[in-house]
Amino acid sequence: AICHERMGMSADEIATAHPSISLAQIHAALAYYFDHKAEID
């Protein structure tokens, strides 16, 4: 969430920065973040 929201990184950029994590996992993390935004923030 920090990478995406505060650093402005796209899901592709996050996946590139963390090559052991798939793009699908990044999207799942972002989906979870938006579903639980108050808790994660």
PDB file of all heavy atoms in Angstrom:
ATOM      1  N   ALA A   1       0.833  -1.212   0.000  1.00  0.00           N
ATOM      2  CA  ALA A   1       0.000   0.000   0.000  1.00  0.00           C
ATOM      3  C   ALA A   1       0.864   1.256   0.000  1.00  0.00           C
ATOM      4  O   ALA A   1       0.570   2.214  -0.728  1.00  0.00           O
ATOM      5  CB  ALA A   1      -0.933  -0.002   1.208  1.00  0.00           C
ATOM      6  N   ILE A   2       1.924   1.273   0.793  1.00  0.00           N
ATOM      7  CA  ILE A   2       2.825   2.430   0.829  1.00  0.00           C
ATOM      8  C   ILE A   2       3.469   2.640  -0.534  1.00  0.00           C
ATOM      9  O   ILE A   2       3.535   3.769  -1.041  1.00  0.00           O
ATOM     10  CB  ILE A   2       3.888   2.273   1.929  1.00  0.00           C
ATOM     11  CG1 ILE A   2       3.246   2.420   3.306  1.00  0.00           C
ATOM     12  CG2 ILE A   2       5.020   3.284   1.753  1.00  0.00           C
ATOM     13  CD1 ILE A   2       4.146   2.010   4.459  1.00  0.00           C
ATOM     14  N   CYS A   3       3.945   1.556  -1.133  1.00  0.00           N
ATOM     15  CA  CYS A   3       4.561   1.660  -2.465  1.00  0.00           C
ATOM     16  C   CYS A   3       3.583   2.260  -3.463  1.00  0.00           C
ATOM     17  O   CYS A   3       3.937   3.132  -4.259  1.00  0.00           O
ATOM     18  CB  CYS A   3       5.015   0.289  -2.961  1.00  0.00           C
ATOM     19  SG  CYS A   3       6.447  -0.390  -2.100  1.00  0.00           S
ATOM     20  N   HIS A   4       2.334   1.805  -3.411  1.00  0.00           N
ATOM     21  CA  HIS A   4       1.335   2.254  -4.383  1.00  0.00           C
ATOM     22  C   HIS A   4       0.792   3.649  -4.075  1.00  0.00           C
ATOM     23  O   HIS A   4       0.795   4.523  -4.944  1.00  0.00           O
ATOM     24  CB  HIS A   4       0.186   1.248  -4.419  1.00  0.00           C
ATOM     25  CG  HIS A   4      -0.868   1.572  -5.416  1.00  0.00           C
ATOM     26  ND1 HIS A   4      -0.662   1.501  -6.771  1.00  0.00           N
ATOM     27  CD2 HIS A   4      -2.143   1.985  -5.256  1.00  0.00           C
ATOM     28  CE1 HIS A   4      -1.753   1.840  -7.394  1.00  0.00           C
ATOM     29  NE2 HIS A   4      -2.674   2.146  -6.503  1.00  0.00           N
ATOM     30  N   GLU A   5       0.361   3.860  -2.849  1.00  0.00           N
ATOM     31  CA  GLU A   5      -0.329   5.095  -2.486  1.00  0.00           C
ATOM     32  C   GLU A   5       0.612   6.273  -2.238  1.00  0.00           C
ATOM     33  O   GLU A   5       0.327   7.386  -2.637  1.00  0.00           O
ATOM     34  CB  GLU A   5      -1.198   4.871  -1.247  1.00  0.00           C
ATOM     35  CG  GLU A   5      -2.356   3.923  -1.478  1.00  0.00           C
ATOM     36  CD  GLU A   5      -3.396   4.507  -2.408  1.00  0.00           C
ATOM     37  OE1 GLU A   5      -4.051   5.495  -2.020  1.00  0.00           O
ATOM     38  OE2 GLU A   5      -3.544   3.971  -3.526  1.00  0.00           O
ATOM     39  N   ARG A   6       1.700   6.033  -1.548  1.00  0.00           N
ATOM     40  CA  ARG A   6       2.586   7.141  -1.166  1.00  0.00           C
ATOM     41  C   ARG A   6       3.744   7.343  -2.129  1.00  0.00           C
ATOM     42  O   ARG A   6       4.204   8.462  -2.313  1.00  0.00           O
ATOM     43  CB  ARG A   6       3.118   6.927   0.244  1.00  0.00           C
ATOM     44  CG  ARG A   6       1.983   6.968   1.263  1.00  0.00           C
ATOM     45  CD  ARG A   6       2.488   7.033   2.646  1.00  0.00           C
ATOM     46  NE  ARG A   6       1.389   7.033   3.605  1.00  0.00           N
ATOM     47  CZ  ARG A   6       1.564   7.027   4.890  1.00  0.00           C
ATOM     48  NH1 ARG A   6       2.782   6.994   5.394  1.00  0.00           N
ATOM     49  NH2 ARG A   6       0.523   7.036   5.698  1.00  0.00           N
ATOM     50  N   MET A   7       4.237   6.252  -2.708  1.00  0.00           N
ATOM     51  CA  MET A   7       5.377   6.358  -3.615  1.00  0.00           C
ATOM     52  C   MET A   7       4.937   6.418  -5.073  1.00  0.00           C
ATOM     53  O   MET A   7       5.758   6.633  -5.963  1.00  0.00           O
ATOM     54  CB  MET A   7       6.336   5.183  -3.389  1.00  0.00           C
ATOM     55  CG  MET A   7       6.916   5.175  -1.981  1.00  0.00           C
ATOM     56  SD  MET A   7       7.869   3.688  -1.611  1.00  0.00           S
ATOM     57  CE  MET A   7       9.259   3.903  -2.711  1.00  0.00           C
ATOM     58  N   GLY A   8       3.652   6.211  -5.314  1.00  0.00           N
ATOM     59  CA  GLY A   8       3.103   6.328  -6.662  1.00  0.00           C
ATOM     60  C   GLY A   8       3.493   5.205  -7.604  1.00  0.00           C
ATOM     61  O   GLY A   8       3.431   5.369  -8.820  1.00  0.00           O
ATOM     62  N   MET A   9       3.888   4.066  -7.056  1.00  0.00           N
ATOM     63  CA  MET A   9       4.303   2.948  -7.899  1.00  0.00           C
ATOM     64  C   MET A   9       3.077   2.195  -8.415  1.00  0.00           C
ATOM     65  O   MET A   9       2.112   1.986  -7.686  1.00  0.00           O
ATOM     66  CB  MET A   9       5.199   1.985  -7.112  1.00  0.00           C
ATOM     67  CG  MET A   9       6.517   2.586  -6.678  1.00  0.00           C
ATOM     68  SD  MET A   9       7.464   1.490  -5.567  1.00  0.00           S
ATOM     69  CE  MET A   9       8.034   0.265  -6.740  1.00  0.00           C
ATOM     70  N   SER A  10       3.133   1.781  -9.665  1.00  0.00           N
ATOM     71  CA  SER A  10       2.076   0.945 -10.223  1.00  0.00           C
ATOM     72  C   SER A  10       2.274  -0.482  -9.727  1.00  0.00           C
ATOM     73  O   SER A  10       3.335  -0.840  -9.206  1.00  0.00           O
ATOM     74  CB  SER A  10       2.135   0.970 -11.753  1.00  0.00           C
ATOM     75  OG  SER A  10       3.301   0.290 -12.206  1.00  0.00           O
ATOM     76  N   ALA A  11       1.272  -1.315  -9.926  1.00  0.00           N
ATOM     77  CA  ALA A  11       1.390  -2.720  -9.544  1.00  0.00           C
ATOM     78  C   ALA A  11       2.561  -3.370 -10.288  1.00  0.00           C
ATOM     79  O   ALA A  11       3.317  -4.152  -9.701  1.00  0.00           O
ATOM     80  CB  ALA A  11       0.087  -3.457  -9.824  1.00  0.00           C
ATOM     81  N   ASP A  12       2.738  -3.040 -11.559  1.00  0.00           N
ATOM     82  CA  ASP A  12       3.863  -3.576 -12.342  1.00  0.00           C
ATOM     83  C   ASP A  12       5.203  -3.155 -11.736  1.00  0.00           C
ATOM     84  O   ASP A  12       6.134  -3.962 -11.661  1.00  0.00           O
ATOM     85  CB  ASP A  12       3.794  -3.113 -13.796  1.00  0.00           C
ATOM     86  CG  ASP A  12       2.686  -3.786 -14.577  1.00  0.00           C
ATOM     87  OD1 ASP A  12       2.335  -4.938 -14.248  1.00  0.00           O
ATOM     88  OD2 ASP A  12       2.171  -3.156 -15.528  1.00  0.00           O
ATOM     89  N   GLU A  13       5.306  -1.901 -11.334  1.00  0.00           N
ATOM     90  CA  GLU A  13       6.555  -1.413 -10.738  1.00  0.00           C
ATOM     91  C   GLU A  13       6.844  -2.095  -9.406  1.00  0.00           C
ATOM     92  O   GLU A  13       7.997  -2.415  -9.107  1.00  0.00           O
ATOM     93  CB  GLU A  13       6.491   0.109 -10.557  1.00  0.00           C
ATOM     94  CG  GLU A  13       6.525   0.866 -11.867  1.00  0.00           C
ATOM     95  CD  GLU A  13       6.225   2.351 -11.714  1.00  0.00           C
ATOM     96  OE1 GLU A  13       5.416   2.724 -10.838  1.00  0.00           O
ATOM     97  OE2 GLU A  13       6.800   3.134 -12.486  1.00  0.00           O
ATOM     98  N   ILE A  14       5.806  -2.337  -8.622  1.00  0.00           N
ATOM     99  CA  ILE A  14       5.992  -3.026  -7.344  1.00  0.00           C
ATOM    100  C   ILE A  14       6.466  -4.460  -7.604  1.00  0.00           C
ATOM    101  O   ILE A  14       7.391  -4.945  -6.956  1.00  0.00           O
ATOM    102  CB  ILE A  14       4.701  -3.014  -6.504  1.00  0.00           C
ATOM    103  CG1 ILE A  14       4.305  -1.579  -6.155  1.00  0.00           C
ATOM    104  CG2 ILE A  14       4.870  -3.843  -5.229  1.00  0.00           C
ATOM    105  CD1 ILE A  14       2.909  -1.437  -5.573  1.00  0.00           C
ATOM    106  N   ALA A  15       5.853  -5.122  -8.575  1.00  0.00           N
ATOM    107  CA  ALA A  15       6.255  -6.490  -8.913  1.00  0.00           C
ATOM    108  C   ALA A  15       7.693  -6.529  -9.422  1.00  0.00           C
ATOM    109  O   ALA A  15       8.444  -7.452  -9.106  1.00  0.00           O
ATOM    110  CB  ALA A  15       5.301  -7.083  -9.949  1.00  0.00           C
ATOM    111  N   THR A  16       8.102  -5.525 -10.180  1.00  0.00           N
ATOM    112  CA  THR A  16       9.477  -5.453 -10.671  1.00  0.00           C
ATOM    113  C   THR A  16      10.445  -5.254  -9.508  1.00  0.00           C
ATOM    114  O   THR A  16      11.518  -5.849  -9.470  1.00  0.00           O
ATOM    115  CB  THR A  16       9.628  -4.312 -11.699  1.00  0.00           C
ATOM    116  OG1 THR A  16       8.765  -4.583 -12.811  1.00  0.00           O
ATOM    117  CG2 THR A  16      11.055  -4.189 -12.192  1.00  0.00           C
ATOM    118  N   ALA A  17      10.060  -4.419  -8.539  1.00  0.00           N
ATOM    119  CA  ALA A  17      10.912  -4.164  -7.381  1.00  0.00           C
ATOM    120  C   ALA A  17      10.998  -5.382  -6.454  1.00  0.00           C
ATOM    121  O   ALA A  17      11.941  -5.506  -5.688  1.00  0.00           O
ATOM    122  CB  ALA A  17      10.397  -2.956  -6.600  1.00  0.00           C
ATOM    123  N   HIS A  18       9.999  -6.252  -6.523  1.00  0.00           N
ATOM    124  CA  HIS A  18       9.948  -7.465  -5.687  1.00  0.00           C
ATOM    125  C   HIS A  18       9.730  -8.664  -6.610  1.00  0.00           C
ATOM    126  O   HIS A  18       8.622  -9.203  -6.692  1.00  0.00           O
ATOM    127  CB  HIS A  18       8.809  -7.357  -4.663  1.00  0.00           C
ATOM    128  CG  HIS A  18       8.957  -6.206  -3.735  1.00  0.00           C
ATOM    129  ND1 HIS A  18       9.783  -6.253  -2.627  1.00  0.00           N
ATOM    130  CD2 HIS A  18       8.403  -4.974  -3.743  1.00  0.00           C
ATOM    131  CE1 HIS A  18       9.713  -5.089  -2.002  1.00  0.00           C
ATOM    132  NE2 HIS A  18       8.897  -4.300  -2.662  1.00  0.00           N
ATOM    133  N   PRO A  19      10.779  -9.111  -7.298  1.00  0.00           N
ATOM    134  CA  PRO A  19      10.604 -10.148  -8.325  1.00  0.00           C
ATOM    135  C   PRO A  19      10.113 -11.500  -7.805  1.00  0.00           C
ATOM    136  O   PRO A  19       9.626 -12.307  -8.591  1.00  0.00           O
ATOM    137  CB  PRO A  19      11.991 -10.273  -8.950  1.00  0.00           C
ATOM    138  CG  PRO A  19      12.931  -9.599  -8.031  1.00  0.00           C
ATOM    139  CD  PRO A  19      12.142  -8.628  -7.208  1.00  0.00           C
ATOM    140  N   SER A  20      10.190 -11.743  -6.512  1.00  0.00           N
ATOM    141  CA  SER A  20       9.696 -13.023  -5.984  1.00  0.00           C
ATOM    142  C   SER A  20       8.184 -13.007  -5.773  1.00  0.00           C
ATOM    143  O   SER A  20       7.586 -14.025  -5.429  1.00  0.00           O
ATOM    144  CB  SER A  20      10.397 -13.365  -4.674  1.00  0.00           C
ATOM    145  OG  SER A  20      10.037 -12.436  -3.668  1.00  0.00           O
ATOM    146  N   ILE A  21       7.550 -11.844  -5.984  1.00  0.00           N
ATOM    147  CA  ILE A  21       6.108 -11.703  -5.786  1.00  0.00           C
ATOM    148  C   ILE A  21       5.453 -11.497  -7.146  1.00  0.00           C
ATOM    149  O   ILE A  21       5.885 -10.661  -7.938  1.00  0.00           O
ATOM    150  CB  ILE A  21       5.806 -10.518  -4.852  1.00  0.00           C
ATOM    151  CG1 ILE A  21       6.476 -10.750  -3.504  1.00  0.00           C
ATOM    152  CG2 ILE A  21       4.314 -10.327  -4.682  1.00  0.00           C
ATOM    153  CD1 ILE A  21       6.433  -9.554  -2.596  1.00  0.00           C
ATOM    154  N   SER A  22       4.411 -12.264  -7.406  1.00  0.00           N
ATOM    155  CA  SER A  22       3.740 -12.169  -8.704  1.00  0.00           C
ATOM    156  C   SER A  22       2.850 -10.928  -8.776  1.00  0.00           C
ATOM    157  O   SER A  22       2.447 -10.369  -7.748  1.00  0.00           O
ATOM    158  CB  SER A  22       2.896 -13.419  -8.956  1.00  0.00           C
ATOM    159  OG  SER A  22       1.748 -13.416  -8.126  1.00  0.00           O
ATOM    160  N   LEU A  23       2.534 -10.553  -9.990  1.00  0.00           N
ATOM    161  CA  LEU A  23       1.637  -9.420 -10.204  1.00  0.00           C
ATOM    162  C   LEU A  23       0.268  -9.709  -9.595  1.00  0.00           C
ATOM    163  O   LEU A  23      -0.358  -8.825  -9.012  1.00  0.00           O
ATOM    164  CB  LEU A  23       1.523  -9.122 -11.701  1.00  0.00           C
ATOM    165  CG  LEU A  23       0.742  -7.890 -12.102  1.00  0.00           C
ATOM    166  CD1 LEU A  23       1.317  -6.629 -11.453  1.00  0.00           C
ATOM    167  CD2 LEU A  23       0.740  -7.748 -13.621  1.00  0.00           C
ATOM    168  N   ALA A  24      -0.175 -10.954  -9.687  1.00  0.00           N
ATOM    169  CA  ALA A  24      -1.455 -11.335  -9.081  1.00  0.00           C
ATOM    170  C   ALA A  24      -1.424 -11.138  -7.566  1.00  0.00           C
ATOM    171  O   ALA A  24      -2.413 -10.686  -6.972  1.00  0.00           O
ATOM    172  CB  ALA A  24      -1.787 -12.785  -9.424  1.00  0.00           C
ATOM    173  N   GLN A  25      -0.298 -11.464  -6.928  1.00  0.00           N
ATOM    174  CA  GLN A  25      -0.179 -11.269  -5.485  1.00  0.00           C
ATOM    175  C   GLN A  25      -0.207  -9.783  -5.130  1.00  0.00           C
ATOM    176  O   GLN A  25      -0.791  -9.390  -4.118  1.00  0.00           O
ATOM    177  CB  GLN A  25       1.098 -11.919  -4.964  1.00  0.00           C
ATOM    178  CG  GLN A  25       1.046 -13.435  -4.977  1.00  0.00           C
ATOM    179  CD  GLN A  25       2.391 -14.054  -4.686  1.00  0.00           C
ATOM    180  OE1 GLN A  25       3.414 -13.670  -5.247  1.00  0.00           O
ATOM    181  NE2 GLN A  25       2.400 -15.033  -3.794  1.00  0.00           N
ATOM    182  N   ILE A  26       0.430  -8.960  -5.959  1.00  0.00           N
ATOM    183  CA  ILE A  26       0.401  -7.506  -5.733  1.00  0.00           C
ATOM    184  C   ILE A  26      -1.037  -7.006  -5.830  1.00  0.00           C
ATOM    185  O   ILE A  26      -1.509  -6.239  -4.982  1.00  0.00           O
ATOM    186  CB  ILE A  26       1.303  -6.761  -6.744  1.00  0.00           C
ATOM    187  CG1 ILE A  26       2.762  -7.196  -6.627  1.00  0.00           C
ATOM    188  CG2 ILE A  26       1.135  -5.246  -6.616  1.00  0.00           C
ATOM    189  CD1 ILE A  26       3.420  -6.896  -5.310  1.00  0.00           C
ATOM    190  N   HIS A  27      -1.753  -7.425  -6.849  1.00  0.00           N
ATOM    191  CA  HIS A  27      -3.154  -7.000  -7.007  1.00  0.00           C
ATOM    192  C   HIS A  27      -4.011  -7.502  -5.844  1.00  0.00           C
ATOM    193  O   HIS A  27      -4.894  -6.778  -5.371  1.00  0.00           O
ATOM    194  CB  HIS A  27      -3.712  -7.471  -8.347  1.00  0.00           C
ATOM    195  CG  HIS A  27      -3.281  -6.621  -9.492  1.00  0.00           C
ATOM    196  ND1 HIS A  27      -3.757  -5.346  -9.711  1.00  0.00           N
ATOM    197  CD2 HIS A  27      -2.387  -6.854 -10.481  1.00  0.00           C
ATOM    198  CE1 HIS A  27      -3.200  -4.831 -10.784  1.00  0.00           C
ATOM    199  NE2 HIS A  27      -2.345  -5.717 -11.267  1.00  0.00           N
ATOM    200  N   ALA A  28      -3.738  -8.719  -5.364  1.00  0.00           N
ATOM    201  CA  ALA A  28      -4.484  -9.237  -4.207  1.00  0.00           C
ATOM    202  C   ALA A  28      -4.213  -8.375  -2.974  1.00  0.00           C
ATOM    203  O   ALA A  28      -5.127  -8.069  -2.212  1.00  0.00           O
ATOM    204  CB  ALA A  28      -4.110 -10.694  -3.944  1.00  0.00           C
ATOM    205  N   ALA A  29      -2.950  -7.987  -2.783  1.00  0.00           N
ATOM    206  CA  ALA A  29      -2.602  -7.136  -1.640  1.00  0.00           C
ATOM    207  C   ALA A  29      -3.291  -5.775  -1.755  1.00  0.00           C
ATOM    208  O   ALA A  29      -3.799  -5.242  -0.764  1.00  0.00           O
ATOM    209  CB  ALA A  29      -1.086  -6.961  -1.544  1.00  0.00           C
ATOM    210  N   LEU A  30      -3.314  -5.215  -2.952  1.00  0.00           N
ATOM    211  CA  LEU A  30      -3.979  -3.921  -3.142  1.00  0.00           C
ATOM    212  C   LEU A  30      -5.492  -4.055  -2.937  1.00  0.00           C
ATOM    213  O   LEU A  30      -6.118  -3.178  -2.329  1.00  0.00           O
ATOM    214  CB  LEU A  30      -3.663  -3.349  -4.520  1.00  0.00           C
ATOM    215  CG  LEU A  30      -2.232  -2.860  -4.696  1.00  0.00           C
ATOM    216  CD1 LEU A  30      -1.943  -2.497  -6.153  1.00  0.00           C
ATOM    217  CD2 LEU A  30      -1.935  -1.676  -3.781  1.00  0.00           C
ATOM    218  N   ALA A  31      -6.081  -5.137  -3.417  1.00  0.00           N
ATOM    219  CA  ALA A  31      -7.514  -5.353  -3.201  1.00  0.00           C
ATOM    220  C   ALA A  31      -7.812  -5.468  -1.710  1.00  0.00           C
ATOM    221  O   ALA A  31      -8.777  -4.870  -1.212  1.00  0.00           O
ATOM    222  CB  ALA A  31      -7.979  -6.611  -3.943  1.00  0.00           C
ATOM    223  N   TYR A  32      -6.975  -6.212  -0.991  1.00  0.00           N
ATOM    224  CA  TYR A  32      -7.165  -6.340   0.452  1.00  0.00           C
ATOM    225  C   TYR A  32      -7.025  -4.964   1.113  1.00  0.00           C
ATOM    226  O   TYR A  32      -7.819  -4.607   1.987  1.00  0.00           O
ATOM    227  CB  TYR A  32      -6.151  -7.325   1.051  1.00  0.00           C
ATOM    228  CG  TYR A  32      -6.397  -7.576   2.512  1.00  0.00           C
ATOM    229  CD1 TYR A  32      -7.201  -8.635   2.926  1.00  0.00           C
ATOM    230  CD2 TYR A  32      -5.848  -6.746   3.494  1.00  0.00           C
ATOM    231  CE1 TYR A  32      -7.452  -8.858   4.276  1.00  0.00           C
ATOM    232  CE2 TYR A  32      -6.100  -6.965   4.836  1.00  0.00           C
ATOM    233  CZ  TYR A  32      -6.894  -8.019   5.214  1.00  0.00           C
ATOM    234  OH  TYR A  32      -7.154  -8.226   6.547  1.00  0.00           O
ATOM    235  N   TYR A  33      -6.030  -4.206   0.677  1.00  0.00           N
ATOM    236  CA  TYR A  33      -5.831  -2.864   1.240  1.00  0.00           C
ATOM    237  C   TYR A  33      -7.079  -2.008   1.062  1.00  0.00           C
ATOM    238  O   TYR A  33      -7.562  -1.400   2.015  1.00  0.00           O
ATOM    239  CB  TYR A  33      -4.626  -2.189   0.593  1.00  0.00           C
ATOM    240  CG  TYR A  33      -4.521  -0.716   0.913  1.00  0.00           C
ATOM    241  CD1 TYR A  33      -4.265  -0.281   2.212  1.00  0.00           C
ATOM    242  CD2 TYR A  33      -4.714   0.250  -0.064  1.00  0.00           C
ATOM    243  CE1 TYR A  33      -4.188   1.065   2.524  1.00  0.00           C
ATOM    244  CE2 TYR A  33      -4.636   1.597   0.232  1.00  0.00           C
ATOM    245  CZ  TYR A  33      -4.373   2.007   1.522  1.00  0.00           C
ATOM    246  OH  TYR A  33      -4.307   3.347   1.830  1.00  0.00           O
ATOM    247  N   PHE A  34      -7.626  -1.972  -0.146  1.00  0.00           N
ATOM    248  CA  PHE A  34      -8.784  -1.114  -0.382  1.00  0.00           C
ATOM    249  C   PHE A  34     -10.026  -1.616   0.349  1.00  0.00           C
ATOM    250  O   PHE A  34     -10.878  -0.813   0.726  1.00  0.00           O
ATOM    251  CB  PHE A  34      -9.033  -0.942  -1.880  1.00  0.00           C
ATOM    252  CG  PHE A  34      -7.989  -0.080  -2.543  1.00  0.00           C
ATOM    253  CD1 PHE A  34      -7.147  -0.604  -3.504  1.00  0.00           C
ATOM    254  CD2 PHE A  34      -7.827   1.247  -2.169  1.00  0.00           C
ATOM    255  CE1 PHE A  34      -6.168   0.192  -4.100  1.00  0.00           C
ATOM    256  CE2 PHE A  34      -6.847   2.045  -2.749  1.00  0.00           C
ATOM    257  CZ  PHE A  34      -6.023   1.512  -3.718  1.00  0.00           C
ATOM    258  N   ASP A  35     -10.104  -2.918   0.593  1.00  0.00           N
ATOM    259  CA  ASP A  35     -11.221  -3.460   1.378  1.00  0.00           C
ATOM    260  C   ASP A  35     -11.055  -3.212   2.875  1.00  0.00           C
ATOM    261  O   ASP A  35     -12.024  -3.281   3.621  1.00  0.00           O
ATOM    262  CB  ASP A  35     -11.363  -4.974   1.156  1.00  0.00           C
ATOM    263  CG  ASP A  35     -12.062  -5.325  -0.143  1.00  0.00           C
ATOM    264  OD1 ASP A  35     -12.673  -4.423  -0.769  1.00  0.00           O
ATOM    265  OD2 ASP A  35     -11.995  -6.502  -0.546  1.00  0.00           O
ATOM    266  N   HIS A  36      -9.819  -2.974   3.334  1.00  0.00           N
ATOM    267  CA  HIS A  36      -9.518  -2.792   4.755  1.00  0.00           C
ATOM    268  C   HIS A  36      -8.674  -1.535   4.973  1.00  0.00           C
ATOM    269  O   HIS A  36      -7.783  -1.507   5.802  1.00  0.00           O
ATOM    270  CB  HIS A  36      -8.767  -4.026   5.295  1.00  0.00           C
ATOM    271  CG  HIS A  36      -9.527  -5.288   5.134  1.00  0.00           C
ATOM    272  ND1 HIS A  36      -9.464  -6.046   3.993  1.00  0.00           N
ATOM    273  CD2 HIS A  36     -10.389  -5.928   5.966  1.00  0.00           C
ATOM    274  CE1 HIS A  36     -10.251  -7.098   4.131  1.00  0.00           C
ATOM    275  NE2 HIS A  36     -10.822  -7.044   5.310  1.00  0.00           N
ATOM    276  N   LYS A  37      -8.965  -0.497   4.208  1.00  0.00           N
ATOM    277  CA  LYS A  37      -8.137   0.717   4.170  1.00  0.00           C
ATOM    278  C   LYS A  37      -7.938   1.346   5.547  1.00  0.00           C
ATOM    279  O   LYS A  37      -6.815   1.698   5.912  1.00  0.00           O
ATOM    280  CB  LYS A  37      -8.749   1.731   3.202  1.00  0.00           C
ATOM    281  CG  LYS A  37      -7.842   2.884   2.865  1.00  0.00           C
ATOM    282  CD  LYS A  37      -8.452   3.702   1.737  1.00  0.00           C
ATOM    283  CE  LYS A  37      -7.605   4.831   1.262  1.00  0.00           C
ATOM    284  NZ  LYS A  37      -6.688   5.456   2.145  1.00  0.00           N
ATOM    285  N   ALA A  38      -8.974   1.499   6.318  1.00  0.00           N
ATOM    286  CA  ALA A  38      -8.848   2.153   7.632  1.00  0.00           C
ATOM    287  C   ALA A  38      -7.902   1.376   8.543  1.00  0.00           C
ATOM    288  O   ALA A  38      -7.040   1.961   9.215  1.00  0.00           O
ATOM    289  CB  ALA A  38     -10.218   2.317   8.285  1.00  0.00           C
ATOM    290  N   GLU A  39      -8.033   0.059   8.549  1.00  0.00           N
ATOM    291  CA  GLU A  39      -7.186  -0.790   9.390  1.00  0.00           C
ATOM    292  C   GLU A  39      -5.713  -0.704   8.954  1.00  0.00           C
ATOM    293  O   GLU A  39      -4.824  -0.519   9.785  1.00  0.00           O
ATOM    294  CB  GLU A  39      -7.656  -2.240   9.295  1.00  0.00           C
ATOM    295  CG  GLU A  39      -6.733  -3.242   9.947  1.00  0.00           C
ATOM    296  CD  GLU A  39      -7.020  -4.679   9.535  1.00  0.00           C
ATOM    297  OE1 GLU A  39      -8.099  -4.963   8.985  1.00  0.00           O
ATOM    298  OE2 GLU A  39      -6.139  -5.525   9.779  1.00  0.00           O
ATOM    299  N   ILE A  40      -5.466  -0.824   7.661  1.00  0.00           N
ATOM    300  CA  ILE A  40      -4.092  -0.812   7.157  1.00  0.00           C
ATOM    301  C   ILE A  40      -3.477   0.574   7.336  1.00  0.00           C
ATOM    302  O   ILE A  40      -2.317   0.704   7.744  1.00  0.00           O
ATOM    303  CB  ILE A  40      -4.033  -1.248   5.677  1.00  0.00           C
ATOM    304  CG1 ILE A  40      -4.653  -2.634   5.483  1.00  0.00           C
ATOM    305  CG2 ILE A  40      -2.605  -1.195   5.147  1.00  0.00           C
ATOM    306  CD1 ILE A  40      -3.974  -3.753   6.228  1.00  0.00           C
ATOM    307  N   ASP A  41      -4.242   1.629   7.053  1.00  0.00           N
ATOM    308  CA  ASP A  41      -3.729   2.988   7.256  1.00  0.00           C
ATOM    309  C   ASP A  41      -3.380   3.228   8.727  1.00  0.00           C
ATOM    310  O   ASP A  41      -2.377   3.871   9.035  1.00  0.00           O
ATOM    311  CB  ASP A  41      -4.730   4.032   6.765  1.00  0.00           C
ATOM    312  CG  ASP A  41      -4.773   4.134   5.245  1.00  0.00           C
ATOM    313  OD1 ASP A  41      -3.854   3.631   4.569  1.00  0.00           O
ATOM    314  OD2 ASP A  41      -5.747   4.734   4.729  1.00  0.00           O
TER     315      ASP A  41
END
